[in-house]
Amino acid sequence: MSWKESLPKQPRESLENILLDAEQYESSYMNSENPTVGQIWVVMALLNQRLEKAEQLVRAQRKALKEMDVEIEVDKHLDEDLKQSLKRY
């Protein structure tokens, strides 16, 4: 069994998905001095793109909520949830 197969289902599927996405750039990273490192950089760039899209979505949602005059303190709720979570451990 390979190390990837030994991962729990969710991380394994996530890894498989990002590697499939990176395959479209295989010709680029295979021409690098170290294709393995090139692939890692491509995956990091793809993950960064996903993060940026998520941040844009959050900003748009917060803007929409502000325009609706709905007062929601997301960070406050996150802090309270974190405190409750940490108390359980």
C-alpha atoms as a PDB file:
ATOM      1  CA  MET A   1       0.000   0.000   0.000  1.00  0.00           C
ATOM      2  CA  SER A   2       1.374   3.413  -0.957  1.00  0.00           C
ATOM      3  CA  TRP A   3       1.507   6.287   1.497  1.00  0.00           C
ATOM      4  CA  LYS A   4      -1.316   8.013  -0.404  1.00  0.00           C
ATOM      5  CA  GLU A   5      -3.569   4.989  -0.059  1.00  0.00           C
ATOM      6  CA  SER A   6      -2.913   4.913   3.682  1.00  0.00           C
ATOM      7  CA  LEU A   7      -4.355   8.411   4.119  1.00  0.00           C
ATOM      8  CA  PRO A   8      -7.898   8.776   5.475  1.00  0.00           C
ATOM      9  CA  LYS A   9     -10.531   9.126   2.756  1.00  0.00           C
ATOM     10  CA  GLN A  10     -11.053  12.897   2.850  1.00  0.00           C
ATOM     11  CA  PRO A  11      -7.381  13.981   2.712  1.00  0.00           C
ATOM     12  CA  ARG A  12      -6.662  11.276   0.103  1.00  0.00           C
ATOM     13  CA  GLU A  13      -9.475  12.504  -2.146  1.00  0.00           C
ATOM     14  CA  SER A  14      -8.366  16.097  -1.683  1.00  0.00           C
ATOM     15  CA  LEU A  15      -4.805  15.166  -2.635  1.00  0.00           C
ATOM     16  CA  GLU A  16      -5.999  13.232  -5.674  1.00  0.00           C
ATOM     17  CA  ASN A  17      -8.116  16.193  -6.826  1.00  0.00           C
ATOM     18  CA  ILE A  18      -5.329  18.747  -6.554  1.00  0.00           C
ATOM     19  CA  LEU A  19      -2.898  16.424  -8.331  1.00  0.00           C
ATOM     20  CA  LEU A  20      -5.409  15.968 -11.156  1.00  0.00           C
ATOM     21  CA  ASP A  21      -5.694  19.751 -11.426  1.00  0.00           C
ATOM     22  CA  ALA A  22      -1.896  20.046 -11.522  1.00  0.00           C
ATOM     23  CA  GLU A  23      -1.630  17.537 -14.368  1.00  0.00           C
ATOM     24  CA  GLN A  24      -2.715  20.185 -16.859  1.00  0.00           C
ATOM     25  CA  TYR A  25       0.633  21.903 -16.192  1.00  0.00           C
ATOM     26  CA  GLU A  26       2.692  18.710 -16.378  1.00  0.00           C
ATOM     27  CA  SER A  27       4.591  19.790 -19.478  1.00  0.00           C
ATOM     28  CA  SER A  28       5.794  22.871 -17.605  1.00  0.00           C
ATOM     29  CA  TYR A  29       6.992  21.271 -14.389  1.00  0.00           C
ATOM     30  CA  MET A  30       8.442  18.231 -16.174  1.00  0.00           C
ATOM     31  CA  ASN A  31      10.820  20.614 -17.989  1.00  0.00           C
ATOM     32  CA  SER A  32      12.126  22.016 -14.707  1.00  0.00           C
ATOM     33  CA  GLU A  33      15.409  20.965 -13.085  1.00  0.00           C
ATOM     34  CA  ASN A  34      13.456  19.074 -10.440  1.00  0.00           C
ATOM     35  CA  PRO A  35       9.995  18.021 -11.672  1.00  0.00           C
ATOM     36  CA  THR A  36       8.863  16.951  -8.197  1.00  0.00           C
ATOM     37  CA  VAL A  37       9.601  20.381  -6.762  1.00  0.00           C
ATOM     38  CA  GLY A  38       8.042  21.990  -9.830  1.00  0.00           C
ATOM     39  CA  GLN A  39       4.871  19.993  -9.259  1.00  0.00           C
ATOM     40  CA  ILE A  40       4.768  21.103  -5.624  1.00  0.00           C
ATOM     41  CA  TRP A  41       5.052  24.754  -6.704  1.00  0.00           C
ATOM     42  CA  VAL A  42       2.257  24.281  -9.247  1.00  0.00           C
ATOM     43  CA  VAL A  43       0.047  22.730  -6.579  1.00  0.00           C
ATOM     44  CA  MET A  44       0.851  25.598  -4.208  1.00  0.00           C
ATOM     45  CA  ALA A  45      -0.109  28.103  -6.907  1.00  0.00           C
ATOM     46  CA  LEU A  46      -3.396  26.272  -7.528  1.00  0.00           C
ATOM     47  CA  LEU A  47      -4.170  26.196  -3.808  1.00  0.00           C
ATOM     48  CA  ASN A  48      -3.365  29.905  -3.600  1.00  0.00           C
ATOM     49  CA  GLN A  49      -5.838  30.578  -6.423  1.00  0.00           C
ATOM     50  CA  ARG A  50      -8.516  28.640  -4.531  1.00  0.00           C
ATOM     51  CA  LEU A  51      -7.768  30.603  -1.373  1.00  0.00           C
ATOM     52  CA  GLU A  52      -7.973  33.926  -3.213  1.00  0.00           C
ATOM     53  CA  LYS A  53     -11.351  32.937  -4.711  1.00  0.00           C
ATOM     54  CA  ALA A  54     -12.638  31.977  -1.265  1.00  0.00           C
ATOM     55  CA  GLU A  55     -11.450  35.300   0.168  1.00  0.00           C
ATOM     56  CA  GLN A  56     -13.191  37.187  -2.660  1.00  0.00           C
ATOM     57  CA  LEU A  57     -16.400  35.302  -1.929  1.00  0.00           C
ATOM     58  CA  VAL A  58     -16.183  36.112   1.778  1.00  0.00           C
ATOM     59  CA  ARG A  59     -15.587  39.808   1.006  1.00  0.00           C
ATOM     60  CA  ALA A  60     -18.573  39.841  -1.353  1.00  0.00           C
ATOM     61  CA  GLN A  61     -20.780  38.160   1.255  1.00  0.00           C
ATOM     62  CA  ARG A  62     -19.708  40.592   3.958  1.00  0.00           C
ATOM     63  CA  LYS A  63     -20.373  43.520   1.611  1.00  0.00           C
ATOM     64  CA  ALA A  64     -23.834  42.148   0.818  1.00  0.00           C
ATOM     65  CA  LEU A  65     -24.608  41.740   4.513  1.00  0.00           C
ATOM     66  CA  LYS A  66     -23.472  45.293   5.251  1.00  0.00           C
ATOM     67  CA  GLU A  67     -25.707  46.600   2.473  1.00  0.00           C
ATOM     68  CA  MET A  68     -28.623  44.721   4.017  1.00  0.00           C
ATOM     69  CA  ASP A  69     -27.910  46.446   7.337  1.00  0.00           C
ATOM     70  CA  VAL A  70     -27.501  43.061   8.971  1.00  0.00           C
ATOM     71  CA  GLU A  71     -25.117  43.292  11.852  1.00  0.00           C
ATOM     72  CA  ILE A  72     -23.100  40.107  12.042  1.00  0.00           C
ATOM     73  CA  GLU A  73     -19.764  39.967  13.742  1.00  0.00           C
ATOM     74  CA  VAL A  74     -18.279  36.930  12.035  1.00  0.00           C
ATOM     75  CA  ASP A  75     -14.944  37.130  13.809  1.00  0.00           C
ATOM     76  CA  LYS A  76     -16.656  37.382  17.198  1.00  0.00           C
ATOM     77  CA  HIS A  77     -18.641  34.223  16.503  1.00  0.00           C
ATOM     78  CA  LEU A  78     -15.516  32.446  15.310  1.00  0.00           C
ATOM     79  CA  ASP A  79     -13.688  33.430  18.506  1.00  0.00           C
ATOM     80  CA  GLU A  80     -16.566  32.198  20.672  1.00  0.00           C
ATOM     81  CA  ASP A  81     -16.781  28.921  18.735  1.00  0.00           C
ATOM     82  CA  LEU A  82     -13.029  28.456  19.111  1.00  0.00           C
ATOM     83  CA  LYS A  83     -13.197  29.047  22.866  1.00  0.00           C
ATOM     84  CA  GLN A  84     -16.001  26.487  23.228  1.00  0.00           C
ATOM     85  CA  SER A  85     -14.105  23.990  21.091  1.00  0.00           C
ATOM     86  CA  LEU A  86     -10.924  24.411  23.119  1.00  0.00           C
ATOM     87  CA  LYS A  87     -12.840  23.953  26.378  1.00  0.00           C
ATOM     88  CA  ARG A  88     -13.933  20.510  25.172  1.00  0.00           C
ATOM     89  CA  TYR A  89     -10.317  19.459  24.833  1.00  0.00           C
END
